[in-house]
């Protein structure tokens, strides 16, 4: 579905959208028809925050589709707010972007400060950035040195509870022993695990999920 040109672009923080998209599919298939059923499916998936929101709407005579719309708007507003807070926290700091990352994540961070794109493991930057004046580092050794000097490290991983899984080379670069003491980790959460993923130890780091 095309987005109207006057609609704002989705925030980086949009992980809650996946829950609503799954519930929307069940509504469209006729498997959810009441607010109580919406609550039950949210609880079944252990989405307690969503279940509590829908529970507060139980006594209101609104269709389930409108309840989903209402929570979607709230999530989007909160996502944009968290984006602003993240970029304020990154302002003036050294940011390392570890490939692979989606183009929209690269675009958002490249417009916000002292950013270096790290290219290792045979990855490439998107075509629209190949002739731009971005700072890049190639190869494992150069990337590792940049990560060690960075205040913010952005990479992609599959998130399962409090565990994070990513490509082995990315995990080697995000080495807890090499990071700055107060380095912030920003993890772009991809929806699926890959067979070759390995666990990455984030220790007690300040982690932002986007």
Protein backbone atom coordinates (compact mmCIF):
# COMPACT_ATOMS: atom_id res chain seq x y z
CA UNK A 1 0.00 0.00 0.00
CA UNK A 2 1.37 3.38 -0.97
CA UNK A 3 1.87 6.01 1.70
CA UNK A 4 0.27 9.40 1.04
CA UNK A 5 2.96 11.93 0.23
CA UNK A 6 1.83 14.19 3.10
CA UNK A 7 2.08 11.40 5.66
CA UNK A 8 5.20 11.41 7.84
CA UNK A 9 7.78 8.73 7.23
CA UNK A 10 7.72 5.91 9.77
CA UNK A 11 10.05 6.28 12.73
CA UNK A 12 13.13 4.14 13.22
CA UNK A 13 11.53 2.94 16.44
CA UNK A 14 8.68 0.92 14.98
CA UNK A 15 9.09 -2.57 16.45
CA UNK A 16 5.58 -2.37 17.95
CA UNK A 17 4.13 -2.19 14.43
CA UNK A 18 4.82 -5.89 13.91
CA UNK A 19 2.47 -6.88 16.71
CA UNK A 20 -0.32 -4.71 15.31
CA UNK A 21 0.28 -5.98 11.78
CA UNK A 22 -0.12 -9.57 12.98
CA UNK A 23 -3.33 -8.69 14.83
CA UNK A 24 -4.61 -6.76 11.82
CA UNK A 25 -4.13 -9.85 9.65
CA UNK A 26 -6.20 -11.92 12.08
CA UNK A 27 -8.93 -9.25 12.03
CA UNK A 28 -8.94 -9.20 8.23
CA UNK A 29 -9.25 -12.99 8.19
CA UNK A 30 -12.23 -12.85 10.53
CA UNK A 31 -10.41 -14.63 13.34
CA UNK A 32 -10.75 -11.63 15.65
CA UNK A 33 -14.12 -9.89 15.82
CA UNK A 34 -14.40 -8.47 19.34
CA UNK A 35 -12.24 -6.51 21.76
CA UNK A 36 -12.20 -9.50 24.11
CA UNK A 37 -10.80 -11.68 21.32
CA UNK A 38 -8.23 -8.96 20.58
CA UNK A 39 -7.16 -9.05 24.23
CA UNK A 40 -6.98 -12.84 24.22
CA UNK A 41 -4.77 -12.97 21.13
CA UNK A 42 -2.48 -10.25 22.49
CA UNK A 43 -2.09 -12.13 25.77
CA UNK A 44 -1.52 -15.42 23.95
CA UNK A 45 1.43 -13.79 22.19
CA UNK A 46 2.67 -12.37 25.51
CA UNK A 47 2.07 -8.80 24.33
CA UNK A 48 0.92 -7.50 27.69
CA UNK A 49 1.25 -3.82 26.85
CA UNK A 50 -1.11 -4.18 23.90
CA UNK A 51 -3.52 -6.34 25.93
CA UNK A 52 -3.73 -3.67 28.63
CA UNK A 53 -4.47 -0.99 26.05
CA UNK A 54 -7.27 -3.04 24.50
CA UNK A 55 -8.64 -3.93 27.95
CA UNK A 56 -9.12 -0.22 28.64
CA UNK A 57 -11.32 -0.05 25.51
CA UNK A 58 -13.48 -3.03 26.48
CA UNK A 59 -16.48 -0.90 27.51
CA UNK A 60 -16.29 1.43 24.50
CA UNK A 61 -18.53 0.59 21.53
CA UNK A 62 -15.79 0.71 18.89
CA UNK A 63 -14.83 -1.91 16.28
CA UNK A 64 -11.60 -3.84 16.67
CA UNK A 65 -10.15 -2.19 13.55
CA UNK A 66 -10.51 1.24 15.18
CA UNK A 67 -8.86 -0.01 18.37
CA UNK A 68 -5.89 -1.15 16.28
CA UNK A 69 -5.79 2.19 14.46
CA UNK A 70 -5.74 4.07 17.76
CA UNK A 71 -2.83 2.07 19.16
CA UNK A 72 -0.97 2.33 15.84
CA UNK A 73 -1.07 6.14 16.01
CA UNK A 74 0.08 6.13 19.64
CA UNK A 75 2.97 3.80 18.79
CA UNK A 76 4.04 5.95 15.86
CA UNK A 77 4.02 9.09 18.01
CA UNK A 78 6.08 7.35 20.68
CA UNK A 79 8.45 6.05 18.00
CA UNK A 80 9.12 9.53 16.63
CA UNK A 81 9.66 10.78 20.18
CA UNK A 82 12.23 8.03 20.86
CA UNK A 83 13.94 8.85 17.55
CA UNK A 84 14.39 12.47 18.63
CA UNK A 85 15.76 11.40 22.01
CA UNK A 86 18.21 9.02 20.34
CA UNK A 87 19.56 11.59 17.89
CA UNK A 88 19.91 14.16 20.67
CA UNK A 89 21.95 11.58 22.62
CA UNK A 90 24.11 10.91 19.51
CA UNK A 91 24.70 14.57 18.68
CA UNK A 92 28.39 15.43 18.66
CA UNK A 93 29.41 11.84 19.31
CA UNK A 94 31.35 9.42 17.12
CA UNK A 95 28.90 7.02 15.48
CA UNK A 96 29.87 3.75 13.76
CA UNK A 97 27.36 2.16 11.38
CA UNK A 98 28.16 -1.53 10.85
CA UNK A 99 26.99 -2.98 7.57
CA UNK A 100 24.66 -4.63 6.79
CA UNK A 101 22.03 -2.03 7.67
CA UNK A 102 18.84 -1.06 5.79
CA UNK A 103 19.12 2.09 3.65
CA UNK A 104 16.62 4.04 5.76
CA UNK A 105 18.71 3.48 8.91
CA UNK A 106 21.85 4.65 7.12
CA UNK A 107 20.08 7.72 5.76
CA UNK A 108 18.79 8.78 9.18
CA UNK A 109 22.14 8.50 10.95
CA UNK A 110 24.24 9.96 8.12
CA UNK A 111 22.41 13.23 8.54
CA UNK A 112 23.19 13.40 12.24
CA UNK A 113 26.81 14.09 13.11
CA UNK A 114 30.20 12.41 13.05
CA UNK A 115 29.38 9.11 11.32
CA UNK A 116 31.55 6.38 9.82
CA UNK A 117 30.17 3.49 7.78
CA UNK A 118 32.02 0.22 8.43
CA UNK A 119 32.15 -2.24 5.54
CA UNK A 120 33.45 -5.72 6.24
CA UNK A 121 32.56 -9.27 5.29
CA UNK A 122 31.81 -8.54 1.64
CA UNK A 123 28.99 -6.08 2.26
CA UNK A 124 28.36 -2.94 0.19
CA UNK A 125 26.72 0.40 0.80
CA UNK A 126 23.46 1.08 -1.07
CA UNK A 127 23.80 2.44 -4.63
CA UNK A 128 22.36 5.86 -3.74
CA UNK A 129 25.25 6.44 -1.30
CA UNK A 130 28.15 5.26 -3.45
CA UNK A 131 28.96 8.70 -4.83
CA UNK A 132 28.25 10.67 -1.65
CA UNK A 133 30.84 12.16 0.67
CA UNK A 134 30.43 9.68 3.50
CA UNK A 135 33.30 8.40 5.60
CA UNK A 136 33.88 4.65 5.22
CA UNK A 137 36.28 2.07 6.60
CA UNK A 138 36.90 -1.24 4.88
CA UNK A 139 38.21 -4.52 6.24
CA UNK A 140 37.98 -6.15 9.64
CA UNK A 141 41.01 -4.52 11.23
CA UNK A 142 40.08 -0.97 10.25
CA UNK A 143 36.46 -1.55 11.27
CA UNK A 144 37.49 -2.98 14.62
CA UNK A 145 39.66 0.05 15.35
CA UNK A 146 36.83 2.43 14.49
CA UNK A 147 34.37 0.54 16.71
CA UNK A 148 36.87 0.76 19.59
CA UNK A 149 37.01 4.55 19.15
CA UNK A 150 33.26 5.12 18.73
CA UNK A 151 30.74 6.45 21.23
CA UNK A 152 27.74 4.91 19.44
CA UNK A 153 27.73 1.62 17.52
CA UNK A 154 24.78 0.80 15.27
CA UNK A 155 24.28 -2.73 13.92
CA UNK A 156 21.58 -5.20 12.93
CA UNK A 157 20.57 -8.25 14.93
CA UNK A 158 17.73 -10.64 15.58
CA UNK A 159 16.28 -10.00 19.03
CA UNK A 160 14.84 -12.76 21.17
CA UNK A 161 13.95 -11.63 24.67
CA UNK A 162 17.13 -10.14 26.12
CA UNK A 163 19.38 -11.99 23.66
CA UNK A 164 20.81 -10.67 20.41
CA UNK A 165 21.98 -12.68 17.38
CA UNK A 166 23.86 -11.38 14.36
CA UNK A 167 26.44 -12.26 11.74
CA UNK A 168 29.61 -13.70 13.24
CA UNK A 169 31.79 -10.91 11.87
CA UNK A 170 29.50 -8.25 13.32
CA UNK A 171 29.60 -10.06 16.68
CA UNK A 172 33.40 -10.08 16.52
CA UNK A 173 33.44 -6.34 15.82
CA UNK A 174 31.04 -5.54 18.65
CA UNK A 175 33.46 -6.96 21.18
CA UNK A 176 32.56 -5.98 24.74
CA UNK A 177 36.25 -5.83 25.66
CA UNK A 178 37.05 -3.35 22.89
CA UNK A 179 34.18 -0.88 23.34
CA UNK A 180 34.44 2.48 25.03
CA UNK A 181 33.29 2.24 28.67
CA UNK A 182 30.17 4.35 28.03
CA UNK A 183 29.54 3.30 24.42
CA UNK A 184 25.89 3.12 23.43
CA UNK A 185 24.68 0.24 21.26
CA UNK A 186 21.86 0.85 18.80
CA UNK A 187 20.41 -2.37 17.39
CA UNK A 188 18.20 -2.50 14.32
CA UNK A 189 15.94 -5.44 15.08
CA UNK A 190 15.36 -7.62 12.03
CA UNK A 191 12.25 -9.81 12.04
CA UNK A 192 13.91 -13.15 11.30
CA UNK A 193 16.85 -15.17 12.56
CA UNK A 194 19.47 -16.46 10.10
CA UNK A 195 20.92 -19.99 10.37
CA UNK A 196 24.47 -18.61 10.61
CA UNK A 197 23.65 -16.11 13.39
CA UNK A 198 25.72 -16.14 16.56
CA UNK A 199 24.98 -14.58 19.93
CA UNK A 200 26.52 -11.21 20.68
CA UNK A 201 27.31 -10.25 24.26
CA UNK A 202 26.19 -6.69 25.03
CA UNK A 203 27.00 -6.93 28.73
CA UNK A 204 25.29 -4.19 30.72
CA UNK A 205 25.44 -1.71 27.85
CA UNK A 206 22.91 0.99 27.17
CA UNK A 207 20.99 -0.57 24.24
CA UNK A 208 18.49 1.18 21.98
CA UNK A 209 16.29 -1.05 19.82
CA UNK A 210 15.05 0.41 16.53
